[in-house]
Amino acid sequence: MSNPLTVPPRAPFRTFLDFPLHTDLDTFDAHVAILGLPYGDPYTIDEVTNDQTNAPTAVRRASSRLSMHPDRYDFDFGGPLLDGHDIRVVDCGDVPGDARDLTAHYRKAEAAARKILDAGAMLVSIGGDHGVPIPVFRACEGHGPVTLVHVDAHLDWRDERHGIREGYSNPIRRASEMPWFDHIIQIGLRAQGSARQREYDDAVAWGADIITSYEVLEHGIQPVLDRIPDGGTYYLSIDADGVDPTVMPAVNAPAPGGLLYHHVRDLIHGVVKKGRVLGMDIVEITPARDLNEITSIVAGRFILNLIGTAVRAGRFDR
């Protein structure tokens, strides 16, 4: 392939949890695909290769510490990861950037995500900033209606910022414009980001279900799950700064009072049990700010909880 959609992970080379590498998406055949999306749509030239572009590499590297081996007993979901089932998990590498065309990687990301989703696999993406799920949202076309479950400290409803419409302040606004997303629930909001009163009003007018982190801290995650429709199709987008910085410290915009690990774990479990999860992304990790790799380890644990719970819910029976 002269112009591949994905390339092997960066050096030091390591796939997530040492799962097989498979970058030829024309021959893709797996139940779960791990995909690195390092590059977003930058607001400034300095953001083209900011530290968040290193996050897919960091999470893969930390996977050696979050699980000794997939066959070990895991208390987060009650047994070995794949529970003795013949479940194929592959790492599809990273969508590469093009220094001469700063939008090429979004086109490749959408094409890669479409091949994976159309093959019936669950897609797990590692960003990158929060702009990177936008092409994945587009790839969900034909799989709807989809409920978008969004964990974040910030609203992400800006229509444009500095003339850019597909950056990290824009993803939920862009999702709201895609007719296959019929419900959006946003969890963990607090403090302030780039949203103004007008963005909040637009989100409410569209019908987004906005839940602050303080509601979750006071009442737990079950009332949140009760507000998510049953028996549907879902996509999870997790911004690391939606989680409390004591749990995921390596973010650009830390805000106290975020969700705790068990809140996000229980959210993932609850959504998987409701219906089909098309995919999940974890974004906005800045590895240079991390402490003992804990942010990358937590991100990896979220991925394991998604896969382990989906296995037990029979979501890969095909």
C-alpha atoms as a PDB file:
ATOM      1  CA  MET A   1       0.000   0.000   0.000  1.00  0.00           C
ATOM      2  CA  SER A   2       1.661   3.236  -1.138  1.00  0.00           C
ATOM      3  CA  ASN A   3      -0.602   5.538   0.859  1.00  0.00           C
ATOM      4  CA  PRO A   4      -1.769   3.473   3.841  1.00  0.00           C
ATOM      5  CA  LEU A   5      -4.605   4.491   6.129  1.00  0.00           C
ATOM      6  CA  THR A   6      -2.593   3.402   9.155  1.00  0.00           C
ATOM      7  CA  VAL A   7       1.053   2.796  10.005  1.00  0.00           C
ATOM      8  CA  PRO A   8       2.701   0.809  12.824  1.00  0.00           C
ATOM      9  CA  PRO A   9       2.925   2.490  16.236  1.00  0.00           C
ATOM     10  CA  ARG A  10       5.876   4.776  16.874  1.00  0.00           C
ATOM     11  CA  ALA A  11       9.133   3.641  18.415  1.00  0.00           C
ATOM     12  CA  PRO A  12       9.672   2.287  20.935  1.00  0.00           C
ATOM     13  CA  PHE A  13       7.380  -0.080  19.061  1.00  0.00           C
ATOM     14  CA  ARG A  14       4.663  -1.710  21.100  1.00  0.00           C
ATOM     15  CA  THR A  15       1.062  -2.602  20.351  1.00  0.00           C
ATOM     16  CA  PHE A  16      -1.601  -2.246  23.005  1.00  0.00           C
ATOM     17  CA  LEU A  17      -1.223  -5.182  25.415  1.00  0.00           C
ATOM     18  CA  ASP A  18       0.918  -6.880  22.735  1.00  0.00           C
ATOM     19  CA  PHE A  19      -2.147  -7.690  20.654  1.00  0.00           C
ATOM     20  CA  PRO A  20      -1.316  -8.507  17.002  1.00  0.00           C
ATOM     21  CA  LEU A  21      -0.563  -5.596  14.690  1.00  0.00           C
ATOM     22  CA  HIS A  22      -2.850  -5.375  11.646  1.00  0.00           C
ATOM     23  CA  THR A  23      -2.514  -2.270   9.474  1.00  0.00           C
ATOM     24  CA  ASP A  24      -4.021  -3.641   6.241  1.00  0.00           C
ATOM     25  CA  LEU A  25      -7.652  -2.672   6.775  1.00  0.00           C
ATOM     26  CA  ASP A  26      -8.685  -4.223   3.464  1.00  0.00           C
ATOM     27  CA  THR A  27      -8.106  -7.624   5.113  1.00  0.00           C
ATOM     28  CA  PHE A  28      -9.422  -6.610   8.532  1.00  0.00           C
ATOM     29  CA  ASP A  29     -11.161  -9.390  10.456  1.00  0.00           C
ATOM     30  CA  ALA A  30     -11.412  -8.904  14.207  1.00  0.00           C
ATOM     31  CA  HIS A  31     -13.890  -8.217  16.979  1.00  0.00           C
ATOM     32  CA  VAL A  32     -12.023  -5.237  18.476  1.00  0.00           C
ATOM     33  CA  ALA A  33      -9.670  -2.742  16.835  1.00  0.00           C
ATOM     34  CA  ILE A  34      -7.308  -0.399  18.670  1.00  0.00           C
ATOM     35  CA  LEU A  35      -6.560   2.705  16.584  1.00  0.00           C
ATOM     36  CA  GLY A  36      -4.207   5.592  17.332  1.00  0.00           C
ATOM     37  CA  LEU A  37      -5.392   9.047  16.235  1.00  0.00           C
ATOM     38  CA  PRO A  38      -2.501  11.333  17.161  1.00  0.00           C
ATOM     39  CA  TYR A  39      -3.371  14.411  15.099  1.00  0.00           C
ATOM     40  CA  GLY A  40      -6.290  16.813  15.357  1.00  0.00           C
ATOM     41  CA  ASP A  41      -7.242  19.964  13.435  1.00  0.00           C
ATOM     42  CA  PRO A  42      -4.935  22.537  15.047  1.00  0.00           C
ATOM     43  CA  TYR A  43      -5.995  26.049  16.010  1.00  0.00           C
ATOM     44  CA  THR A  44      -2.368  27.209  15.786  1.00  0.00           C
ATOM     45  CA  ILE A  45       0.767  25.874  14.105  1.00  0.00           C
ATOM     46  CA  ASP A  46       2.196  25.021  17.537  1.00  0.00           C
ATOM     47  CA  GLU A  47      -0.597  22.478  18.046  1.00  0.00           C
ATOM     48  CA  VAL A  48       0.182  20.422  14.948  1.00  0.00           C
ATOM     49  CA  THR A  49       2.432  18.107  16.951  1.00  0.00           C
ATOM     50  CA  ASN A  50       1.679  19.022  20.557  1.00  0.00           C
ATOM     51  CA  ASP A  51       2.262  16.571  23.403  1.00  0.00           C
ATOM     52  CA  GLN A  52      -1.171  15.005  22.954  1.00  0.00           C
ATOM     53  CA  THR A  53       0.082  13.494  19.691  1.00  0.00           C
ATOM     54  CA  ASN A  54       2.318  11.301  21.873  1.00  0.00           C
ATOM     55  CA  ALA A  55      -0.608   9.833  23.824  1.00  0.00           C
ATOM     56  CA  PRO A  56      -1.274   6.724  21.673  1.00  0.00           C
ATOM     57  CA  THR A  57       2.382   5.742  22.126  1.00  0.00           C
ATOM     58  CA  ALA A  58       2.248   6.443  25.875  1.00  0.00           C
ATOM     59  CA  VAL A  59      -0.910   4.396  26.447  1.00  0.00           C
ATOM     60  CA  ARG A  60       0.477   1.468  24.473  1.00  0.00           C
ATOM     61  CA  ARG A  61       3.741   1.621  26.422  1.00  0.00           C
ATOM     62  CA  ALA A  62       1.891   1.747  29.762  1.00  0.00           C
ATOM     63  CA  SER A  63      -0.183  -1.285  28.808  1.00  0.00           C
ATOM     64  CA  SER A  64       2.698  -3.442  30.019  1.00  0.00           C
ATOM     65  CA  ARG A  65       1.935  -2.169  33.527  1.00  0.00           C
ATOM     66  CA  LEU A  66      -1.869  -2.218  33.549  1.00  0.00           C
ATOM     67  CA  SER A  67      -2.175  -5.941  32.817  1.00  0.00           C
ATOM     68  CA  MET A  68       0.363  -8.678  33.421  1.00  0.00           C
ATOM     69  CA  HIS A  69      -1.381 -10.901  30.864  1.00  0.00           C
ATOM     70  CA  PRO A  70      -4.914 -11.114  29.412  1.00  0.00           C
ATOM     71  CA  ASP A  71      -5.417 -14.534  31.003  1.00  0.00           C
ATOM     72  CA  ARG A  72      -5.002 -13.205  34.576  1.00  0.00           C
ATOM     73  CA  TYR A  73      -8.035 -12.748  36.808  1.00  0.00           C
ATOM     74  CA  ASP A  74      -9.256  -9.157  36.696  1.00  0.00           C
ATOM     75  CA  PHE A  75     -11.441  -7.868  39.537  1.00  0.00           C
ATOM     76  CA  ASP A  76     -12.754  -4.956  37.439  1.00  0.00           C
ATOM     77  CA  PHE A  77     -14.962  -7.286  35.413  1.00  0.00           C
ATOM     78  CA  GLY A  78     -14.719 -10.619  37.236  1.00  0.00           C
ATOM     79  CA  GLY A  79     -12.305 -12.872  35.372  1.00  0.00           C
ATOM     80  CA  PRO A  80      -9.798 -12.983  32.504  1.00  0.00           C
ATOM     81  CA  LEU A  81     -10.213 -10.313  29.838  1.00  0.00           C
ATOM     82  CA  LEU A  82     -11.553 -12.568  27.071  1.00  0.00           C
ATOM     83  CA  ASP A  83     -13.115 -15.085  29.487  1.00  0.00           C
ATOM     84  CA  GLY A  84     -12.033 -18.083  27.424  1.00  0.00           C
ATOM     85  CA  HIS A  85     -13.830 -16.901  24.282  1.00  0.00           C
ATOM     86  CA  ASP A  86     -12.281 -16.762  20.821  1.00  0.00           C
ATOM     87  CA  ILE A  87     -12.261 -12.974  20.604  1.00  0.00           C
ATOM     88  CA  ARG A  88      -9.836 -11.370  18.175  1.00  0.00           C
ATOM     89  CA  VAL A  89      -8.356  -8.055  19.295  1.00  0.00           C
ATOM     90  CA  VAL A  90      -5.892  -6.292  16.987  1.00  0.00           C
ATOM     91  CA  ASP A  91      -3.937  -3.048  17.059  1.00  0.00           C
ATOM     92  CA  CYS A  92      -4.340  -1.220  13.760  1.00  0.00           C
ATOM     93  CA  GLY A  93      -1.543   1.239  14.434  1.00  0.00           C
ATOM     94  CA  ASP A  94      -1.811   5.007  13.962  1.00  0.00           C
ATOM     95  CA  VAL A  95      -3.414   7.177  11.324  1.00  0.00           C
ATOM     96  CA  PRO A  96      -0.425   9.134   9.954  1.00  0.00           C
ATOM     97  CA  GLY A  97      -0.244  12.870   9.455  1.00  0.00           C
ATOM     98  CA  ASP A  98       0.823  14.699   6.307  1.00  0.00           C
ATOM     99  CA  ALA A  99       2.898  17.848   6.790  1.00  0.00           C
ATOM    100  CA  ARG A 100       1.770  19.111   3.363  1.00  0.00           C
ATOM    101  CA  ASP A 101      -1.936  18.510   3.925  1.00  0.00           C
ATOM    102  CA  LEU A 102      -3.156  19.122   7.473  1.00  0.00           C
ATOM    103  CA  THR A 103      -6.591  17.650   6.728  1.00  0.00           C
ATOM    104  CA  ALA A 104      -5.428  14.389   5.126  1.00  0.00           C
ATOM    105  CA  HIS A 105      -5.306  12.500   8.418  1.00  0.00           C
ATOM    106  CA  TYR A 106      -8.984  13.247   9.123  1.00  0.00           C
ATOM    107  CA  ARG A 107      -9.931  11.767   5.754  1.00  0.00           C
ATOM    108  CA  LYS A 108      -7.797   8.720   6.501  1.00  0.00           C
ATOM    109  CA  ALA A 109      -9.221   8.427  10.017  1.00  0.00           C
ATOM    110  CA  GLU A 110     -12.774   8.427   8.674  1.00  0.00           C
ATOM    111  CA  ALA A 111     -11.926   5.841   6.020  1.00  0.00           C
ATOM    112  CA  ALA A 112     -10.158   3.626   8.564  1.00  0.00           C
ATOM    113  CA  ALA A 113     -13.004   3.905  11.062  1.00  0.00           C
ATOM    114  CA  ARG A 114     -15.585   3.091   8.368  1.00  0.00           C
ATOM    115  CA  LYS A 115     -13.728  -0.086   7.387  1.00  0.00           C
ATOM    116  CA  ILE A 116     -13.540  -1.195  11.011  1.00  0.00           C
ATOM    117  CA  LEU A 117     -17.140  -0.372  11.921  1.00  0.00           C
ATOM    118  CA  ASP A 118     -18.571  -1.736   8.684  1.00  0.00           C
ATOM    119  CA  ALA A 119     -16.769  -5.011   9.445  1.00  0.00           C
ATOM    120  CA  GLY A 120     -18.842  -5.221  12.630  1.00  0.00           C
ATOM    121  CA  ALA A 121     -15.938  -4.605  15.009  1.00  0.00           C
ATOM    122  CA  MET A 122     -15.793  -2.399  18.076  1.00  0.00           C
ATOM    123  CA  LEU A 123     -13.435   0.538  17.543  1.00  0.00           C
ATOM    124  CA  VAL A 124     -11.286   1.845  20.401  1.00  0.00           C
ATOM    125  CA  SER A 125      -9.445   5.036  19.492  1.00  0.00           C
ATOM    126  CA  ILE A 126      -6.649   6.708  21.438  1.00  0.00           C
ATOM    127  CA  GLY A 127      -6.089  10.427  20.800  1.00  0.00           C
ATOM    128  CA  GLY A 128      -4.844  13.000  20.246  1.00  0.00           C
ATOM    129  CA  ASP A 129      -6.914  16.046  21.186  1.00  0.00           C
ATOM    130  CA  HIS A 130     -10.698  16.044  21.268  1.00  0.00           C
ATOM    131  CA  GLY A 131     -10.975  16.981  17.626  1.00  0.00           C
ATOM    132  CA  VAL A 132      -9.921  13.489  16.556  1.00  0.00           C
ATOM    133  CA  PRO A 133     -13.281  11.768  17.196  1.00  0.00           C
ATOM    134  CA  ILE A 134     -14.984  13.969  14.580  1.00  0.00           C
ATOM    135  CA  PRO A 135     -14.029  11.758  11.610  1.00  0.00           C
ATOM    136  CA  VAL A 136     -14.982   8.713  13.686  1.00  0.00           C
ATOM    137  CA  PHE A 137     -18.387  10.295  14.335  1.00  0.00           C
ATOM    138  CA  ARG A 138     -18.801  10.584  10.560  1.00  0.00           C
ATOM    139  CA  ALA A 139     -17.900   6.921  10.169  1.00  0.00           C
ATOM    140  CA  CYS A 140     -20.830   6.010  12.454  1.00  0.00           C
ATOM    141  CA  GLU A 141     -23.131   6.854   9.541  1.00  0.00           C
ATOM    142  CA  GLY A 142     -25.249   3.842   8.684  1.00  0.00           C
ATOM    143  CA  HIS A 143     -25.044   2.458  12.217  1.00  0.00           C
ATOM    144  CA  GLY A 144     -27.589   4.762  13.816  1.00  0.00           C
ATOM    145  CA  PRO A 145     -29.512   5.960  15.542  1.00  0.00           C
ATOM    146  CA  VAL A 146     -26.596   6.404  17.957  1.00  0.00           C
ATOM    147  CA  THR A 147     -26.537   7.767  21.493  1.00  0.00           C
ATOM    148  CA  LEU A 148     -23.366   9.749  22.147  1.00  0.00           C
ATOM    149  CA  VAL A 149     -22.113   9.419  25.724  1.00  0.00           C
ATOM    150  CA  HIS A 150     -19.570  12.164  26.373  1.00  0.00           C
ATOM    151  CA  VAL A 151     -17.368  12.474  29.476  1.00  0.00           C
ATOM    152  CA  ASP A 152     -15.624  15.835  29.755  1.00  0.00           C
ATOM    153  CA  ALA A 153     -15.045  18.852  31.966  1.00  0.00           C
ATOM    154  CA  HIS A 154     -15.951  21.010  28.956  1.00  0.00           C
ATOM    155  CA  LEU A 155     -18.999  21.423  26.730  1.00  0.00           C
ATOM    156  CA  ASP A 156     -17.215  21.317  23.321  1.00  0.00           C
ATOM    157  CA  TRP A 157     -20.061  23.062  21.465  1.00  0.00           C
ATOM    158  CA  ARG A 158     -18.124  25.859  19.750  1.00  0.00           C
ATOM    159  CA  ASP A 159     -19.165  26.177  16.098  1.00  0.00           C
ATOM    160  CA  GLU A 160     -15.747  27.578  15.245  1.00  0.00           C
ATOM    161  CA  ARG A 161     -12.656  28.831  16.985  1.00  0.00           C
ATOM    162  CA  HIS A 162      -9.991  30.866  15.179  1.00  0.00           C
ATOM    163  CA  GLY A 163     -11.782  29.915  11.963  1.00  0.00           C
ATOM    164  CA  ILE A 164     -11.406  26.168  12.665  1.00  0.00           C
ATOM    165  CA  ARG A 165     -14.572  24.069  12.915  1.00  0.00           C
ATOM    166  CA  GLU A 166     -13.141  20.610  13.654  1.00  0.00           C
ATOM    167  CA  GLY A 167     -10.776  21.229  16.543  1.00  0.00           C
ATOM    168  CA  TYR A 168     -10.951  20.208  20.183  1.00  0.00           C
ATOM    169  CA  SER A 169     -13.630  22.800  21.087  1.00  0.00           C
ATOM    170  CA  ASN A 170     -15.972  21.611  18.316  1.00  0.00           C
ATOM    171  CA  PRO A 171     -16.627  17.831  18.478  1.00  0.00           C
ATOM    172  CA  ILE A 172     -20.029  17.729  20.143  1.00  0.00           C
ATOM    173  CA  ARG A 173     -21.370  20.564  17.981  1.00  0.00           C
ATOM    174  CA  ARG A 174     -20.255  18.579  14.916  1.00  0.00           C
ATOM    175  CA  ALA A 175     -21.874  15.401  16.260  1.00  0.00           C
ATOM    176  CA  SER A 176     -25.134  17.284  16.824  1.00  0.00           C
ATOM    177  CA  GLU A 177     -25.215  18.063  13.088  1.00  0.00           C
ATOM    178  CA  MET A 178     -24.993  14.410  12.098  1.00  0.00           C
ATOM    179  CA  PRO A 179     -28.511  12.942  11.833  1.00  0.00           C
ATOM    180  CA  TRP A 180     -27.445   9.494  13.032  1.00  0.00           C
ATOM    181  CA  PHE A 181     -26.800  10.902  16.526  1.00  0.00           C
ATOM    182  CA  ASP A 182     -30.246  11.193  18.073  1.00  0.00           C
ATOM    183  CA  HIS A 183     -29.293  11.594  21.742  1.00  0.00           C
ATOM    184  CA  ILE A 184     -26.320  13.244  23.418  1.00  0.00           C
ATOM    185  CA  ILE A 185     -25.579  12.934  27.124  1.00  0.00           C
ATOM    186  CA  GLN A 186     -22.670  14.962  28.525  1.00  0.00           C
ATOM    187  CA  ILE A 187     -21.240  13.980  31.903  1.00  0.00           C
ATOM    188  CA  GLY A 188     -18.685  15.528  34.219  1.00  0.00           C
ATOM    189  CA  LEU A 189     -18.956  19.180  33.232  1.00  0.00           C
ATOM    190  CA  ARG A 190     -17.505  21.742  35.607  1.00  0.00           C
ATOM    191  CA  ALA A 191     -15.431  24.933  35.792  1.00  0.00           C
ATOM    192  CA  GLN A 192     -15.058  26.679  32.426  1.00  0.00           C
ATOM    193  CA  GLY A 193     -13.605  26.085  28.990  1.00  0.00           C
ATOM    194  CA  SER A 194     -14.076  27.874  25.669  1.00  0.00           C
ATOM    195  CA  ALA A 195     -17.890  27.666  25.798  1.00  0.00           C
ATOM    196  CA  ARG A 196     -19.835  30.902  26.178  1.00  0.00           C
ATOM    197  CA  GLN A 197     -23.469  31.370  27.170  1.00  0.00           C
ATOM    198  CA  ARG A 198     -24.480  31.002  23.529  1.00  0.00           C
ATOM    199  CA  GLU A 199     -22.888  27.525  23.263  1.00  0.00           C
ATOM    200  CA  TYR A 200     -24.604  26.384  26.441  1.00  0.00           C
ATOM    201  CA  ASP A 201     -27.927  27.684  25.130  1.00  0.00           C
ATOM    202  CA  ASP A 202     -27.389  25.918  21.797  1.00  0.00           C
ATOM    203  CA  ALA A 203     -26.643  22.617  23.554  1.00  0.00           C
ATOM    204  CA  VAL A 204     -29.780  22.899  25.690  1.00  0.00           C
ATOM    205  CA  ALA A 205     -31.899  23.906  22.675  1.00  0.00           C
ATOM    206  CA  TRP A 206     -30.661  20.867  20.732  1.00  0.00           C
ATOM    207  CA  GLY A 207     -31.639  18.625  23.627  1.00  0.00           C
ATOM    208  CA  ALA A 208     -28.263  17.610  25.019  1.00  0.00           C
ATOM    209  CA  ASP A 209     -28.594  16.064  28.480  1.00  0.00           C
ATOM    210  CA  ILE A 210     -26.004  17.935  30.558  1.00  0.00           C
ATOM    211  CA  ILE A 211     -24.886  16.435  33.869  1.00  0.00           C
ATOM    212  CA  THR A 212     -22.287  18.165  35.983  1.00  0.00           C
ATOM    213  CA  SER A 213     -19.614  16.250  37.846  1.00  0.00           C
ATOM    214  CA  TYR A 214     -21.127  17.456  41.112  1.00  0.00           C
ATOM    215  CA  GLU A 215     -24.375  15.627  40.375  1.00  0.00           C
ATOM    216  CA  VAL A 216     -22.387  12.418  39.857  1.00  0.00           C
ATOM    217  CA  LEU A 217     -20.278  12.935  42.975  1.00  0.00           C
ATOM    218  CA  GLU A 218     -23.414  13.463  45.039  1.00  0.00           C
ATOM    219  CA  HIS A 219     -25.734  10.845  43.562  1.00  0.00           C
ATOM    220  CA  GLY A 220     -23.473   8.309  41.825  1.00  0.00           C
ATOM    221  CA  ILE A 221     -23.539   7.017  38.274  1.00  0.00           C
ATOM    222  CA  GLN A 222     -26.781   5.007  38.374  1.00  0.00           C
ATOM    223  CA  PRO A 223     -29.056   8.070  37.923  1.00  0.00           C
ATOM    224  CA  VAL A 224     -26.944   8.930  34.869  1.00  0.00           C
ATOM    225  CA  LEU A 225     -27.402   5.447  33.429  1.00  0.00           C
ATOM    226  CA  ASP A 226     -31.139   5.734  34.045  1.00  0.00           C
ATOM    227  CA  ARG A 227     -31.171   8.762  31.690  1.00  0.00           C
ATOM    228  CA  ILE A 228     -29.510   6.823  28.845  1.00  0.00           C
ATOM    229  CA  PRO A 229     -32.020   4.992  26.611  1.00  0.00           C
ATOM    230  CA  ASP A 230     -31.990   1.190  26.804  1.00  0.00           C
ATOM    231  CA  GLY A 231     -31.548  -1.211  23.898  1.00  0.00           C
ATOM    232  CA  GLY A 232     -29.765   1.210  21.593  1.00  0.00           C
ATOM    233  CA  THR A 233     -26.463   1.779  19.864  1.00  0.00           C
ATOM    234  CA  TYR A 234     -23.861   3.868  21.676  1.00  0.00           C
ATOM    235  CA  TYR A 235     -20.574   5.658  21.211  1.00  0.00           C
ATOM    236  CA  LEU A 236     -18.430   6.732  24.199  1.00  0.00           C
ATOM    237  CA  SER A 237     -16.121   9.731  23.983  1.00  0.00           C
ATOM    238  CA  ILE A 238     -13.946  10.184  27.081  1.00  0.00           C
ATOM    239  CA  ASP A 239     -11.858  13.292  27.565  1.00  0.00           C
ATOM    240  CA  ALA A 240      -9.244  12.646  30.250  1.00  0.00           C
ATOM    241  CA  ASP A 241      -9.971  16.014  31.860  1.00  0.00           C
ATOM    242  CA  GLY A 242     -13.511  14.842  32.580  1.00  0.00           C
ATOM    243  CA  VAL A 243     -11.884  12.608  35.180  1.00  0.00           C
ATOM    244  CA  ASP A 244     -10.561  14.194  38.373  1.00  0.00           C
ATOM    245  CA  PRO A 245      -6.902  15.265  38.055  1.00  0.00           C
ATOM    246  CA  THR A 246      -6.039  13.130  41.094  1.00  0.00           C
ATOM    247  CA  VAL A 247      -6.922  10.159  38.863  1.00  0.00           C
ATOM    248  CA  MET A 248      -5.794  11.410  35.433  1.00  0.00           C
ATOM    249  CA  PRO A 249      -3.349  14.275  36.086  1.00  0.00           C
ATOM    250  CA  ALA A 250      -1.759  14.473  32.623  1.00  0.00           C
ATOM    251  CA  VAL A 251      -4.120  16.930  30.926  1.00  0.00           C
ATOM    252  CA  ASN A 252      -3.780  20.482  29.617  1.00  0.00           C
ATOM    253  CA  ALA A 253      -6.831  21.816  31.443  1.00  0.00           C
ATOM    254  CA  PRO A 254      -7.079  20.139  34.873  1.00  0.00           C
ATOM    255  CA  ALA A 255     -10.161  21.052  36.897  1.00  0.00           C
ATOM    256  CA  PRO A 256     -10.822  19.841  40.450  1.00  0.00           C
ATOM    257  CA  GLY A 257     -14.009  17.978  41.245  1.00  0.00           C
ATOM    258  CA  GLY A 258     -14.069  15.531  38.346  1.00  0.00           C
ATOM    259  CA  LEU A 259     -15.366  11.992  38.027  1.00  0.00           C
ATOM    260  CA  LEU A 260     -13.507   9.247  39.851  1.00  0.00           C
ATOM    261  CA  TYR A 261     -12.230   6.017  38.362  1.00  0.00           C
ATOM    262  CA  HIS A 262     -15.141   3.924  39.588  1.00  0.00           C
ATOM    263  CA  HIS A 263     -17.660   6.377  38.107  1.00  0.00           C
ATOM    264  CA  VAL A 264     -16.242   5.960  34.602  1.00  0.00           C
ATOM    265  CA  ARG A 265     -15.792   2.205  35.083  1.00  0.00           C
ATOM    266  CA  ASP A 266     -19.433   1.853  36.128  1.00  0.00           C
ATOM    267  CA  LEU A 267     -20.549   4.094  33.252  1.00  0.00           C
ATOM    268  CA  ILE A 268     -18.733   1.896  30.737  1.00  0.00           C
ATOM    269  CA  HIS A 269     -20.173  -1.276  32.257  1.00  0.00           C
ATOM    270  CA  GLY A 270     -23.673   0.180  32.338  1.00  0.00           C
ATOM    271  CA  VAL A 271     -23.639   1.387  28.743  1.00  0.00           C
ATOM    272  CA  VAL A 272     -22.272  -1.937  27.460  1.00  0.00           C
ATOM    273  CA  LYS A 273     -25.080  -3.784  29.237  1.00  0.00           C
ATOM    274  CA  LYS A 274     -27.690  -1.544  27.605  1.00  0.00           C
ATOM    275  CA  GLY A 275     -26.864  -2.438  24.007  1.00  0.00           C
ATOM    276  CA  ARG A 276     -24.252  -2.292  21.269  1.00  0.00           C
ATOM    277  CA  VAL A 277     -21.273   0.005  21.765  1.00  0.00           C
ATOM    278  CA  LEU A 278     -19.892   0.977  18.358  1.00  0.00           C
ATOM    279  CA  GLY A 279     -16.746   2.350  19.856  1.00  0.00           C
ATOM    280  CA  MET A 280     -14.982   4.491  22.404  1.00  0.00           C
ATOM    281  CA  ASP A 281     -12.264   7.102  22.280  1.00  0.00           C
ATOM    282  CA  ILE A 282      -9.968   8.395  25.011  1.00  0.00           C
ATOM    283  CA  VAL A 283      -8.432  11.772  24.271  1.00  0.00           C
ATOM    284  CA  GLU A 284      -6.581  14.820  25.648  1.00  0.00           C
ATOM    285  CA  ILE A 285      -3.767  12.989  27.474  1.00  0.00           C
ATOM    286  CA  THR A 286      -0.498  14.948  27.680  1.00  0.00           C
ATOM    287  CA  PRO A 287       2.125  12.317  28.583  1.00  0.00           C
ATOM    288  CA  ALA A 288       4.842  14.815  29.527  1.00  0.00           C
ATOM    289  CA  ARG A 289       2.680  15.946  32.457  1.00  0.00           C
ATOM    290  CA  ASP A 290       2.054  12.429  33.733  1.00  0.00           C
ATOM    291  CA  LEU A 291       3.116  10.984  37.078  1.00  0.00           C
ATOM    292  CA  ASN A 292       4.243   7.350  37.144  1.00  0.00           C
ATOM    293  CA  GLU A 293       2.271   6.802  33.882  1.00  0.00           C
ATOM    294  CA  ILE A 294      -0.926   6.806  35.954  1.00  0.00           C
ATOM    295  CA  THR A 295      -2.995   8.697  33.351  1.00  0.00           C
ATOM    296  CA  SER A 296      -2.039   6.275  30.597  1.00  0.00           C
ATOM    297  CA  ILE A 297      -2.640   3.321  32.914  1.00  0.00           C
ATOM    298  CA  VAL A 298      -6.127   4.605  33.769  1.00  0.00           C
ATOM    299  CA  ALA A 299      -6.879   5.074  30.066  1.00  0.00           C
ATOM    300  CA  GLY A 300      -5.791   1.498  29.457  1.00  0.00           C
ATOM    301  CA  ARG A 301      -7.966   0.265  32.303  1.00  0.00           C
ATOM    302  CA  PHE A 302     -10.993   1.957  30.708  1.00  0.00           C
ATOM    303  CA  ILE A 303     -10.224   0.085  27.489  1.00  0.00           C
ATOM    304  CA  LEU A 304      -9.949  -3.229  29.320  1.00  0.00           C
ATOM    305  CA  ASN A 305     -13.238  -2.592  31.117  1.00  0.00           C
ATOM    306  CA  LEU A 306     -14.961  -1.924  27.805  1.00  0.00           C
ATOM    307  CA  ILE A 307     -13.650  -5.117  26.217  1.00  0.00           C
ATOM    308  CA  GLY A 308     -14.053  -7.323  29.289  1.00  0.00           C
ATOM    309  CA  THR A 309     -17.634  -6.212  29.922  1.00  0.00           C
ATOM    310  CA  ALA A 310     -18.570  -6.531  26.241  1.00  0.00           C
ATOM    311  CA  VAL A 311     -17.250 -10.101  26.201  1.00  0.00           C
ATOM    312  CA  ARG A 312     -19.420 -11.002  29.195  1.00  0.00           C
ATOM    313  CA  ALA A 313     -22.463  -9.296  27.674  1.00  0.00           C
ATOM    314  CA  GLY A 314     -22.117 -11.423  24.514  1.00  0.00           C
ATOM    315  CA  ARG A 315     -21.528  -8.390  22.310  1.00  0.00           C
ATOM    316  CA  PHE A 316     -19.042 -10.245  20.095  1.00  0.00           C
ATOM    317  CA  ASP A 317     -21.219 -13.252  19.357  1.00  0.00           C
ATOM    318  CA  ARG A 318     -21.120 -13.363  15.558  1.00  0.00           C
END
